[in-house]
Amino acid sequence: MARTLVRIALAAWHQEELVDDALNVITELVSHAVAYARLPSIRIIVARPRENRVRLGVVDRSRTVPQLRSDANGDQIHGRALVVVDALADRWGTDIHPWGKTVWVELKVEPAS
């Protein structure tokens, strides 16, 4: 459902060139939230905070801040979500709330030629 929401929003904003990166990012964010927050629900955010940015986010009730793995263990299957996010995002971060957190990613919209 998160991927569908992102795809529809990007189509509505005529940002189809971002679809592949955005779908990879939202998949990783949702997977990370499901694996580590282990709570029954999450919320997806798809926004356009500025003309040149698309913001994707996952909100959950866990206050555990995700950490970008710094080790190079190529045999490790889990823990790569934020490496993918970091590679595709223009910027990303975590906002802590009294009731949980939002992990967000911004993708840069390239100006039309």
PDB file of N, CA and C in Angstrom:
ATOM      1  N   MET A   1       0.819  -1.190   0.000  1.00  0.00           N
ATOM      2  CA  MET A   1       0.000   0.000   0.000  1.00  0.00           C
ATOM      3  C   MET A   1       0.865   1.257   0.000  1.00  0.00           C
ATOM      4  N   ALA A   2       1.984   1.215   0.731  1.00  0.00           N
ATOM      5  CA  ALA A   2       2.868   2.384   0.770  1.00  0.00           C
ATOM      6  C   ALA A   2       3.424   2.683  -0.613  1.00  0.00           C
ATOM      7  N   ARG A   3       3.823   1.653  -1.327  1.00  0.00           N
ATOM      8  CA  ARG A   3       4.366   1.844  -2.671  1.00  0.00           C
ATOM      9  C   ARG A   3       3.315   2.433  -3.608  1.00  0.00           C
ATOM     10  N   THR A   4       2.085   1.973  -3.494  1.00  0.00           N
ATOM     11  CA  THR A   4       1.002   2.498  -4.328  1.00  0.00           C
ATOM     12  C   THR A   4       0.764   3.972  -4.014  1.00  0.00           C
ATOM     13  N   LEU A   5       0.725   4.320  -2.750  1.00  0.00           N
ATOM     14  CA  LEU A   5       0.527   5.713  -2.341  1.00  0.00           C
ATOM     15  C   LEU A   5       1.621   6.608  -2.922  1.00  0.00           C
ATOM     16  N   VAL A   6       2.865   6.170  -2.830  1.00  0.00           N
ATOM     17  CA  VAL A   6       3.993   6.954  -3.361  1.00  0.00           C
ATOM     18  C   VAL A   6       3.879   7.093  -4.877  1.00  0.00           C
ATOM     19  N   ARG A   7       3.582   6.006  -5.546  1.00  0.00           N
ATOM     20  CA  ARG A   7       3.471   6.030  -7.015  1.00  0.00           C
ATOM     21  C   ARG A   7       2.364   6.993  -7.469  1.00  0.00           C
ATOM     22  N   ILE A   8       1.200   6.955  -6.799  1.00  0.00           N
ATOM     23  CA  ILE A   8       0.081   7.829  -7.155  1.00  0.00           C
ATOM     24  C   ILE A   8       0.438   9.291  -6.911  1.00  0.00           C
ATOM     25  N   ALA A   9       1.056   9.588  -5.775  1.00  0.00           N
ATOM     26  CA  ALA A   9       1.425  10.974  -5.462  1.00  0.00           C
ATOM     27  C   ALA A   9       2.428  11.514  -6.473  1.00  0.00           C
ATOM     28  N   LEU A  10       3.432  10.734  -6.802  1.00  0.00           N
ATOM     29  CA  LEU A  10       4.437  11.192  -7.765  1.00  0.00           C
ATOM     30  C   LEU A  10       3.825  11.404  -9.148  1.00  0.00           C
ATOM     31  N   ALA A  11       2.902  10.542  -9.546  1.00  0.00           N
ATOM     32  CA  ALA A  11       2.221  10.726 -10.834  1.00  0.00           C
ATOM     33  C   ALA A  11       1.396  12.014 -10.818  1.00  0.00           C
ATOM     34  N   ALA A  12       0.709  12.266  -9.713  1.00  0.00           N
ATOM     35  CA  ALA A  12      -0.102  13.488  -9.606  1.00  0.00           C
ATOM     36  C   ALA A  12       0.762  14.742  -9.680  1.00  0.00           C
ATOM     37  N   TRP A  13       1.983  14.656  -9.159  1.00  0.00           N
ATOM     38  CA  TRP A  13       2.911  15.799  -9.173  1.00  0.00           C
ATOM     39  C   TRP A  13       3.785  15.809 -10.433  1.00  0.00           C
ATOM     40  N   HIS A  14       3.540  14.885 -11.366  1.00  0.00           N
ATOM     41  CA  HIS A  14       4.323  14.768 -12.599  1.00  0.00           C
ATOM     42  C   HIS A  14       5.813  14.572 -12.300  1.00  0.00           C
ATOM     43  N   GLN A  15       6.097  13.693 -11.337  1.00  0.00           N
ATOM     44  CA  GLN A  15       7.468  13.394 -10.934  1.00  0.00           C
ATOM     45  C   GLN A  15       7.797  11.914 -11.173  1.00  0.00           C
ATOM     46  N   GLU A  16       7.394  11.411 -12.313  1.00  0.00           N
ATOM     47  CA  GLU A  16       7.590  10.001 -12.617  1.00  0.00           C
ATOM     48  C   GLU A  16       9.065   9.588 -12.598  1.00  0.00           C
ATOM     49  N   GLU A  17       9.977  10.535 -12.856  1.00  0.00           N
ATOM     50  CA  GLU A  17      11.410  10.198 -12.854  1.00  0.00           C
ATOM     51  C   GLU A  17      11.912   9.804 -11.470  1.00  0.00           C
ATOM     52  N   LEU A  18      11.154  10.121 -10.431  1.00  0.00           N
ATOM     53  CA  LEU A  18      11.543   9.763  -9.070  1.00  0.00           C
ATOM     54  C   LEU A  18      10.972   8.424  -8.613  1.00  0.00           C
ATOM     55  N   VAL A  19      10.112   7.818  -9.411  1.00  0.00           N
ATOM     56  CA  VAL A  19       9.378   6.638  -8.954  1.00  0.00           C
ATOM     57  C   VAL A  19      10.298   5.516  -8.489  1.00  0.00           C
ATOM     58  N   ASP A  20      11.281   5.131  -9.277  1.00  0.00           N
ATOM     59  CA  ASP A  20      12.135   3.999  -8.904  1.00  0.00           C
ATOM     60  C   ASP A  20      12.838   4.243  -7.572  1.00  0.00           C
ATOM     61  N   ASP A  21      13.489   5.397  -7.428  1.00  0.00           N
ATOM     62  CA  ASP A  21      14.186   5.702  -6.173  1.00  0.00           C
ATOM     63  C   ASP A  21      13.201   5.803  -5.014  1.00  0.00           C
ATOM     64  N   ALA A  22      12.067   6.452  -5.243  1.00  0.00           N
ATOM     65  CA  ALA A  22      11.082   6.632  -4.178  1.00  0.00           C
ATOM     66  C   ALA A  22      10.511   5.297  -3.715  1.00  0.00           C
ATOM     67  N   LEU A  23      10.234   4.397  -4.646  1.00  0.00           N
ATOM     68  CA  LEU A  23       9.703   3.086  -4.262  1.00  0.00           C
ATOM     69  C   LEU A  23      10.731   2.278  -3.494  1.00  0.00           C
ATOM     70  N   ASN A  24      11.989   2.357  -3.887  1.00  0.00           N
ATOM     71  CA  ASN A  24      13.042   1.676  -3.119  1.00  0.00           C
ATOM     72  C   ASN A  24      13.147   2.248  -1.712  1.00  0.00           C
ATOM     73  N   VAL A  25      13.109   3.575  -1.609  1.00  0.00           N
ATOM     74  CA  VAL A  25      13.230   4.227  -0.303  1.00  0.00           C
ATOM     75  C   VAL A  25      12.054   3.862   0.602  1.00  0.00           C
ATOM     76  N   ILE A  26      10.821   3.986   0.108  1.00  0.00           N
ATOM     77  CA  ILE A  26       9.671   3.711   0.975  1.00  0.00           C
ATOM     78  C   ILE A  26       9.635   2.243   1.374  1.00  0.00           C
ATOM     79  N   THR A  27      10.048   1.358   0.482  1.00  0.00           N
ATOM     80  CA  THR A  27      10.112  -0.067   0.825  1.00  0.00           C
ATOM     81  C   THR A  27      11.090  -0.297   1.968  1.00  0.00           C
ATOM     82  N   GLU A  28      12.256   0.324   1.894  1.00  0.00           N
ATOM     83  CA  GLU A  28      13.252   0.160   2.947  1.00  0.00           C
ATOM     84  C   GLU A  28      12.782   0.769   4.272  1.00  0.00           C
ATOM     85  N   LEU A  29      12.161   1.949   4.220  1.00  0.00           N
ATOM     86  CA  LEU A  29      11.677   2.586   5.449  1.00  0.00           C
ATOM     87  C   LEU A  29      10.582   1.751   6.115  1.00  0.00           C
ATOM     88  N   VAL A  30       9.646   1.263   5.319  1.00  0.00           N
ATOM     89  CA  VAL A  30       8.570   0.442   5.876  1.00  0.00           C
ATOM     90  C   VAL A  30       9.131  -0.864   6.426  1.00  0.00           C
ATOM     91  N   SER A  31      10.007  -1.506   5.680  1.00  0.00           N
ATOM     92  CA  SER A  31      10.616  -2.759   6.149  1.00  0.00           C
ATOM     93  C   SER A  31      11.358  -2.558   7.452  1.00  0.00           C
ATOM     94  N   HIS A  32      12.086  -1.465   7.536  1.00  0.00           N
ATOM     95  CA  HIS A  32      12.840  -1.160   8.758  1.00  0.00           C
ATOM     96  C   HIS A  32      11.895  -0.949   9.932  1.00  0.00           C
ATOM     97  N   ALA A  33      10.818  -0.198   9.714  1.00  0.00           N
ATOM     98  CA  ALA A  33       9.854   0.054  10.790  1.00  0.00           C
ATOM     99  C   ALA A  33       9.189  -1.241  11.243  1.00  0.00           C
ATOM    100  N   VAL A  34       8.812  -2.081  10.305  1.00  0.00           N
ATOM    101  CA  VAL A  34       8.161  -3.349  10.652  1.00  0.00           C
ATOM    102  C   VAL A  34       9.132  -4.249  11.414  1.00  0.00           C
ATOM    103  N   ALA A  35      10.376  -4.317  10.971  1.00  0.00           N
ATOM    104  CA  ALA A  35      11.352  -5.210  11.591  1.00  0.00           C
ATOM    105  C   ALA A  35      11.796  -4.742  12.978  1.00  0.00           C
ATOM    106  N   TYR A  36      11.951  -3.433  13.153  1.00  0.00           N
ATOM    107  CA  TYR A  36      12.550  -2.945  14.391  1.00  0.00           C
ATOM    108  C   TYR A  36      11.564  -2.308  15.364  1.00  0.00           C
ATOM    109  N   ALA A  37      10.531  -1.656  14.873  1.00  0.00           N
ATOM    110  CA  ALA A  37       9.563  -1.042  15.784  1.00  0.00           C
ATOM    111  C   ALA A  37       8.638  -2.103  16.366  1.00  0.00           C
ATOM    112  N   ARG A  38       8.345  -3.122  15.584  1.00  0.00           N
ATOM    113  CA  ARG A  38       7.520  -4.252  16.016  1.00  0.00           C
ATOM    114  C   ARG A  38       6.232  -3.806  16.704  1.00  0.00           C
ATOM    115  N   LEU A  39       5.562  -2.885  16.061  1.00  0.00           N
ATOM    116  CA  LEU A  39       4.301  -2.369  16.570  1.00  0.00           C
ATOM    117  C   LEU A  39       3.217  -2.626  15.533  1.00  0.00           C
ATOM    118  N   PRO A  40       1.956  -2.628  15.948  1.00  0.00           N
ATOM    119  CA  PRO A  40       0.887  -3.026  15.032  1.00  0.00           C
ATOM    120  C   PRO A  40       0.576  -2.054  13.901  1.00  0.00           C
ATOM    121  N   SER A  41       1.035  -0.803  13.989  1.00  0.00           N
ATOM    122  CA  SER A  41       0.694   0.121  12.913  1.00  0.00           C
ATOM    123  C   SER A  41       1.805   1.140  12.688  1.00  0.00           C
ATOM    124  N   ILE A  42       1.849   1.600  11.450  1.00  0.00           N
ATOM    125  CA  ILE A  42       2.735   2.689  11.067  1.00  0.00           C
ATOM    126  C   ILE A  42       1.921   3.632  10.196  1.00  0.00           C
ATOM    127  N   ARG A  43       2.441   4.833   9.994  1.00  0.00           N
ATOM    128  CA  ARG A  43       1.783   5.798   9.110  1.00  0.00           C
ATOM    129  C   ARG A  43       2.787   6.201   8.038  1.00  0.00           C
ATOM    130  N   ILE A  44       2.315   6.369   6.822  1.00  0.00           N
ATOM    131  CA  ILE A  44       3.161   6.760   5.700  1.00  0.00           C
ATOM    132  C   ILE A  44       2.895   8.226   5.386  1.00  0.00           C
ATOM    133  N   ILE A  45       3.971   8.956   5.123  1.00  0.00           N
ATOM    134  CA  ILE A  45       3.856  10.361   4.732  1.00  0.00           C
ATOM    135  C   ILE A  45       4.445  10.520   3.337  1.00  0.00           C
ATOM    136  N   VAL A  46       3.698  11.172   2.469  1.00  0.00           N
ATOM    137  CA  VAL A  46       4.194  11.550   1.142  1.00  0.00           C
ATOM    138  C   VAL A  46       3.822  13.015   0.993  1.00  0.00           C
ATOM    139  N   ALA A  47       4.828  13.872   0.909  1.00  0.00           N
ATOM    140  CA  ALA A  47       4.564  15.314   0.903  1.00  0.00           C
ATOM    141  C   ALA A  47       5.484  16.014  -0.080  1.00  0.00           C
ATOM    142  N   ARG A  48       5.132  17.230  -0.373  1.00  0.00           N
ATOM    143  CA  ARG A  48       5.930  18.087  -1.251  1.00  0.00           C
ATOM    144  C   ARG A  48       6.205  19.372  -0.469  1.00  0.00           C
ATOM    145  N   PRO A  49       7.189  19.343   0.460  1.00  0.00           N
ATOM    146  CA  PRO A  49       7.413  20.503   1.325  1.00  0.00           C
ATOM    147  C   PRO A  49       7.890  21.749   0.576  1.00  0.00           C
ATOM    148  N   ARG A  50       8.562  21.528  -0.546  1.00  0.00           N
ATOM    149  CA  ARG A  50       9.016  22.627  -1.404  1.00  0.00           C
ATOM    150  C   ARG A  50       8.907  22.164  -2.844  1.00  0.00           C
ATOM    151  N   GLU A  51       8.938  23.107  -3.744  1.00  0.00           N
ATOM    152  CA  GLU A  51       8.804  22.797  -5.165  1.00  0.00           C
ATOM    153  C   GLU A  51       9.871  21.808  -5.645  1.00  0.00           C
ATOM    154  N   ASN A  52      11.061  21.874  -5.046  1.00  0.00           N
ATOM    155  CA  ASN A  52      12.155  21.031  -5.511  1.00  0.00           C
ATOM    156  C   ASN A  52      12.423  19.818  -4.611  1.00  0.00           C
ATOM    157  N   ARG A  53      11.451  19.444  -3.771  1.00  0.00           N
ATOM    158  CA  ARG A  53      11.630  18.308  -2.861  1.00  0.00           C
ATOM    159  C   ARG A  53      10.365  17.474  -2.757  1.00  0.00           C
ATOM    160  N   VAL A  54      10.572  16.171  -2.643  1.00  0.00           N
ATOM    161  CA  VAL A  54       9.511  15.247  -2.259  1.00  0.00           C
ATOM    162  C   VAL A  54       9.975  14.603  -0.960  1.00  0.00           C
ATOM    163  N   ARG A  55       9.094  14.571   0.020  1.00  0.00           N
ATOM    164  CA  ARG A  55       9.433  13.985   1.327  1.00  0.00           C
ATOM    165  C   ARG A  55       8.598  12.735   1.540  1.00  0.00           C
ATOM    166  N   LEU A  56       9.285  11.661   1.854  1.00  0.00           N
ATOM    167  CA  LEU A  56       8.655  10.395   2.205  1.00  0.00           C
ATOM    168  C   LEU A  56       8.981  10.124   3.667  1.00  0.00           C
ATOM    169  N   GLY A  57       8.041   9.568   4.388  1.00  0.00           N
ATOM    170  CA  GLY A  57       8.309   9.285   5.785  1.00  0.00           C
ATOM    171  C   GLY A  57       7.499   8.116   6.299  1.00  0.00           C
ATOM    172  N   VAL A  58       8.002   7.541   7.372  1.00  0.00           N
ATOM    173  CA  VAL A  58       7.295   6.487   8.084  1.00  0.00           C
ATOM    174  C   VAL A  58       7.257   6.894   9.547  1.00  0.00           C
ATOM    175  N   VAL A  59       6.056   6.896  10.089  1.00  0.00           N
ATOM    176  CA  VAL A  59       5.834   7.269  11.484  1.00  0.00           C
ATOM    177  C   VAL A  59       5.464   6.014  12.250  1.00  0.00           C
ATOM    178  N   ASP A  60       6.148   5.792  13.367  1.00  0.00           N
ATOM    179  CA  ASP A  60       5.766   4.675  14.230  1.00  0.00           C
ATOM    180  C   ASP A  60       5.856   5.122  15.686  1.00  0.00           C
ATOM    181  N   ARG A  61       5.442   4.258  16.576  1.00  0.00           N
ATOM    182  CA  ARG A  61       5.362   4.624  17.987  1.00  0.00           C
ATOM    183  C   ARG A  61       6.635   4.268  18.764  1.00  0.00           C
ATOM    184  N   SER A  62       7.637   3.745  18.096  1.00  0.00           N
ATOM    185  CA  SER A  62       8.914   3.464  18.742  1.00  0.00           C
ATOM    186  C   SER A  62       9.751   4.739  18.792  1.00  0.00           C
ATOM    187  N   ARG A  63      10.515   4.918  19.865  1.00  0.00           N
ATOM    188  CA  ARG A  63      11.389   6.090  19.941  1.00  0.00           C
ATOM    189  C   ARG A  63      12.843   5.702  19.673  1.00  0.00           C
ATOM    190  N   THR A  64      13.076   4.497  19.206  1.00  0.00           N
ATOM    191  CA  THR A  64      14.426   4.046  18.888  1.00  0.00           C
ATOM    192  C   THR A  64      14.854   4.674  17.562  1.00  0.00           C
ATOM    193  N   VAL A  65      15.963   5.395  17.594  1.00  0.00           N
ATOM    194  CA  VAL A  65      16.461   6.079  16.405  1.00  0.00           C
ATOM    195  C   VAL A  65      17.249   5.089  15.542  1.00  0.00           C
ATOM    196  N   PRO A  66      16.912   4.982  14.264  1.00  0.00           N
ATOM    197  CA  PRO A  66      17.663   4.077  13.392  1.00  0.00           C
ATOM    198  C   PRO A  66      19.080   4.583  13.181  1.00  0.00           C
ATOM    199  N   GLN A  67      19.999   3.655  13.077  1.00  0.00           N
ATOM    200  CA  GLN A  67      21.404   3.996  12.895  1.00  0.00           C
ATOM    201  C   GLN A  67      21.897   3.469  11.555  1.00  0.00           C
ATOM    202  N   LEU A  68      22.630   4.305  10.853  1.00  0.00           N
ATOM    203  CA  LEU A  68      23.269   3.893   9.610  1.00  0.00           C
ATOM    204  C   LEU A  68      24.424   2.975   9.972  1.00  0.00           C
ATOM    205  N   ARG A  69      24.415   1.771   9.432  1.00  0.00           N
ATOM    206  CA  ARG A  69      25.484   0.803   9.737  1.00  0.00           C
ATOM    207  C   ARG A  69      26.796   1.290   9.138  1.00  0.00           C
ATOM    208  N   SER A  70      27.829   1.189   9.929  1.00  0.00           N
ATOM    209  CA  SER A  70      29.133   1.625   9.435  1.00  0.00           C
ATOM    210  C   SER A  70      30.058   0.453   9.156  1.00  0.00           C
ATOM    211  N   ASP A  71      29.645  -0.769   9.517  1.00  0.00           N
ATOM    212  CA  ASP A  71      30.521  -1.902   9.242  1.00  0.00           C
ATOM    213  C   ASP A  71      30.341  -2.365   7.805  1.00  0.00           C
ATOM    214  N   ALA A  72      31.305  -3.081   7.321  1.00  0.00           N
ATOM    215  CA  ALA A  72      31.290  -3.521   5.923  1.00  0.00           C
ATOM    216  C   ALA A  72      31.104  -5.028   5.838  1.00  0.00           C
ATOM    217  N   ASN A  73      30.298  -5.598   6.723  1.00  0.00           N
ATOM    218  CA  ASN A  73      30.085  -7.031   6.735  1.00  0.00           C
ATOM    219  C   ASN A  73      29.200  -7.418   5.560  1.00  0.00           C
ATOM    220  N   GLY A  74      29.808  -7.866   4.489  1.00  0.00           N
ATOM    221  CA  GLY A  74      29.070  -8.219   3.278  1.00  0.00           C
ATOM    222  C   GLY A  74      28.171  -9.425   3.431  1.00  0.00           C
ATOM    223  N   ASP A  75      28.367 -10.240   4.491  1.00  0.00           N
ATOM    224  CA  ASP A  75      27.543 -11.420   4.713  1.00  0.00           C
ATOM    225  C   ASP A  75      26.259 -11.088   5.463  1.00  0.00           C
ATOM    226  N   GLN A  76      26.174  -9.897   6.006  1.00  0.00           N
ATOM    227  CA  GLN A  76      25.017  -9.496   6.796  1.00  0.00           C
ATOM    228  C   GLN A  76      23.840  -9.184   5.874  1.00  0.00           C
ATOM    229  N   ILE A  77      22.731  -9.900   6.031  1.00  0.00           N
ATOM    230  CA  ILE A  77      21.557  -9.675   5.182  1.00  0.00           C
ATOM    231  C   ILE A  77      20.755  -8.496   5.699  1.00  0.00           C
ATOM    232  N   HIS A  78      20.559  -8.417   7.005  1.00  0.00           N
ATOM    233  CA  HIS A  78      19.764  -7.346   7.593  1.00  0.00           C
ATOM    234  C   HIS A  78      20.653  -6.147   7.911  1.00  0.00           C
ATOM    235  N   GLY A  79      20.038  -4.992   8.032  1.00  0.00           N
ATOM    236  CA  GLY A  79      20.777  -3.801   8.414  1.00  0.00           C
ATOM    237  C   GLY A  79      21.233  -2.939   7.257  1.00  0.00           C
ATOM    238  N   ARG A  80      20.818  -3.268   6.052  1.00  0.00           N
ATOM    239  CA  ARG A  80      21.233  -2.487   4.891  1.00  0.00           C
ATOM    240  C   ARG A  80      20.220  -1.426   4.490  1.00  0.00           C
ATOM    241  N   ALA A  81      19.069  -1.402   5.121  1.00  0.00           N
ATOM    242  CA  ALA A  81      17.995  -0.488   4.718  1.00  0.00           C
ATOM    243  C   ALA A  81      18.471   0.951   4.674  1.00  0.00           C
ATOM    244  N   LEU A  82      19.136   1.405   5.711  1.00  0.00           N
ATOM    245  CA  LEU A  82      19.549   2.800   5.748  1.00  0.00           C
ATOM    246  C   LEU A  82      20.719   3.085   4.828  1.00  0.00           C
ATOM    247  N   VAL A  83      21.487   2.080   4.472  1.00  0.00           N
ATOM    248  CA  VAL A  83      22.550   2.262   3.484  1.00  0.00           C
ATOM    249  C   VAL A  83      21.906   2.574   2.130  1.00  0.00           C
ATOM    250  N   VAL A  84      20.851   1.855   1.790  1.00  0.00           N
ATOM    251  CA  VAL A  84      20.126   2.110   0.544  1.00  0.00           C
ATOM    252  C   VAL A  84      19.492   3.493   0.592  1.00  0.00           C
ATOM    253  N   VAL A  85      18.829   3.801   1.701  1.00  0.00           N
ATOM    254  CA  VAL A  85      18.186   5.106   1.872  1.00  0.00           C
ATOM    255  C   VAL A  85      19.212   6.222   1.726  1.00  0.00           C
ATOM    256  N   ASP A  86      20.350   6.085   2.388  1.00  0.00           N
ATOM    257  CA  ASP A  86      21.391   7.108   2.350  1.00  0.00           C
ATOM    258  C   ASP A  86      21.923   7.317   0.933  1.00  0.00           C
ATOM    259  N   ALA A  87      22.024   6.229   0.179  1.00  0.00           N
ATOM    260  CA  ALA A  87      22.534   6.322  -1.190  1.00  0.00           C
ATOM    261  C   ALA A  87      21.545   7.016  -2.138  1.00  0.00           C
ATOM    262  N   LEU A  88      20.257   6.829  -1.918  1.00  0.00           N
ATOM    263  CA  LEU A  88      19.254   7.361  -2.838  1.00  0.00           C
ATOM    264  C   LEU A  88      18.726   8.735  -2.448  1.00  0.00           C
ATOM    265  N   ALA A  89      18.791   9.061  -1.177  1.00  0.00           N
ATOM    266  CA  ALA A  89      18.181  10.301  -0.681  1.00  0.00           C
ATOM    267  C   ALA A  89      19.095  11.501  -0.863  1.00  0.00           C
ATOM    268  N   ASP A  90      18.475  12.644  -1.074  1.00  0.00           N
ATOM    269  CA  ASP A  90      19.220  13.894  -1.043  1.00  0.00           C
ATOM    270  C   ASP A  90      19.596  14.203   0.402  1.00  0.00           C
ATOM    271  N   ARG A  91      18.649  13.917   1.314  1.00  0.00           N
ATOM    272  CA  ARG A  91      18.914  14.013   2.752  1.00  0.00           C
ATOM    273  C   ARG A  91      17.869  13.197   3.476  1.00  0.00           C
ATOM    274  N   TRP A  92      18.175  12.788   4.711  1.00  0.00           N
ATOM    275  CA  TRP A  92      17.238  12.005   5.502  1.00  0.00           C
ATOM    276  C   TRP A  92      17.526  12.237   6.980  1.00  0.00           C
ATOM    277  N   GLY A  93      16.554  11.876   7.801  1.00  0.00           N
ATOM    278  CA  GLY A  93      16.740  12.059   9.229  1.00  0.00           C
ATOM    279  C   GLY A  93      15.608  11.444  10.026  1.00  0.00           C
ATOM    280  N   THR A  94      15.659  11.699  11.315  1.00  0.00           N
ATOM    281  CA  THR A  94      14.650  11.183  12.235  1.00  0.00           C
ATOM    282  C   THR A  94      14.176  12.318  13.118  1.00  0.00           C
ATOM    283  N   ASP A  95      12.870  12.466  13.239  1.00  0.00           N
ATOM    284  CA  ASP A  95      12.271  13.419  14.170  1.00  0.00           C
ATOM    285  C   ASP A  95      11.667  12.610  15.311  1.00  0.00           C
ATOM    286  N   ILE A  96      12.080  12.925  16.532  1.00  0.00           N
ATOM    287  CA  ILE A  96      11.560  12.238  17.717  1.00  0.00           C
ATOM    288  C   ILE A  96      10.365  13.008  18.254  1.00  0.00           C
ATOM    289  N   HIS A  97       9.311  12.272  18.588  1.00  0.00           N
ATOM    290  CA  HIS A  97       8.104  12.839  19.167  1.00  0.00           C
ATOM    291  C   HIS A  97       7.905  12.223  20.553  1.00  0.00           C
ATOM    292  N   PRO A  98       7.094  12.814  21.396  1.00  0.00           N
ATOM    293  CA  PRO A  98       6.836  12.208  22.717  1.00  0.00           C
ATOM    294  C   PRO A  98       6.236  10.805  22.604  1.00  0.00           C
ATOM    295  N   TRP A  99       5.559  10.519  21.523  1.00  0.00           N
ATOM    296  CA  TRP A  99       4.856   9.247  21.330  1.00  0.00           C
ATOM    297  C   TRP A  99       5.533   8.325  20.322  1.00  0.00           C
ATOM    298  N   GLY A 100       6.657   8.727  19.718  1.00  0.00           N
ATOM    299  CA  GLY A 100       7.308   7.878  18.722  1.00  0.00           C
ATOM    300  C   GLY A 100       8.285   8.655  17.866  1.00  0.00           C
ATOM    301  N   LYS A 101       8.347   8.324  16.590  1.00  0.00           N
ATOM    302  CA  LYS A 101       9.299   8.998  15.700  1.00  0.00           C
ATOM    303  C   LYS A 101       8.795   8.997  14.267  1.00  0.00           C
ATOM    304  N   THR A 102       9.395   9.874  13.480  1.00  0.00           N
ATOM    305  CA  THR A 102       9.223   9.894  12.035  1.00  0.00           C
ATOM    306  C   THR A 102      10.604   9.757  11.418  1.00  0.00           C
ATOM    307  N   VAL A 103      10.785   8.762  10.589  1.00  0.00           N
ATOM    308  CA  VAL A 103      12.002   8.645   9.786  1.00  0.00           C
ATOM    309  C   VAL A 103      11.609   9.150   8.405  1.00  0.00           C
ATOM    310  N   TRP A 104      12.310  10.179   7.943  1.00  0.00           N
ATOM    311  CA  TRP A 104      11.940  10.834   6.689  1.00  0.00           C
ATOM    312  C   TRP A 104      13.111  10.879   5.727  1.00  0.00           C
ATOM    313  N   VAL A 105      12.756  11.006   4.468  1.00  0.00           N
ATOM    314  CA  VAL A 105      13.725  11.085   3.375  1.00  0.00           C
ATOM    315  C   VAL A 105      13.254  12.173   2.432  1.00  0.00           C
ATOM    316  N   GLU A 106      14.187  12.974   1.942  1.00  0.00           N
ATOM    317  CA  GLU A 106      13.850  13.938   0.903  1.00  0.00           C
ATOM    318  C   GLU A 106      14.594  13.565  -0.373  1.00  0.00           C
ATOM    319  N   LEU A 107      13.836  13.553  -1.452  1.00  0.00           N
ATOM    320  CA  LEU A 107      14.391  13.338  -2.784  1.00  0.00           C
ATOM    321  C   LEU A 107      14.309  14.660  -3.521  1.00  0.00           C
ATOM    322  N   LYS A 108      15.364  14.980  -4.207  1.00  0.00           N
ATOM    323  CA  LYS A 108      15.418  16.243  -4.942  1.00  0.00           C
ATOM    324  C   LYS A 108      14.712  16.098  -6.283  1.00  0.00           C
ATOM    325  N   VAL A 109      13.868  17.071  -6.576  1.00  0.00           N
ATOM    326  CA  VAL A 109      13.161  17.124  -7.855  1.00  0.00           C
ATOM    327  C   VAL A 109      14.032  17.926  -8.805  1.00  0.00           C
ATOM    328  N   GLU A 110      14.392  17.323  -9.911  1.00  0.00           N
ATOM    329  CA  GLU A 110      15.200  18.025 -10.903  1.00  0.00           C
ATOM    330  C   GLU A 110      14.305  18.960 -11.703  1.00  0.00           C
ATOM    331  N   PRO A 111      14.788  20.175 -11.973  1.00  0.00           N
ATOM    332  CA  PRO A 111      13.975  21.114 -12.746  1.00  0.00           C
ATOM    333  C   PRO A 111      13.712  20.580 -14.155  1.00  0.00           C
ATOM    334  N   ALA A 112      12.547  20.904 -14.677  1.00  0.00           N
ATOM    335  CA  ALA A 112      12.196  20.490 -16.043  1.00  0.00           C
ATOM    336  C   ALA A 112      13.093  21.206 -17.046  1.00  0.00           C
ATOM    337  N   SER A 113      13.515  20.472 -18.069  1.00  0.00           N
ATOM    338  CA  SER A 113      14.391  21.086 -19.080  1.00  0.00           C
ATOM    339  C   SER A 113      13.598  21.774 -20.149  1.00  0.00           C
TER     340      SER A 113
END
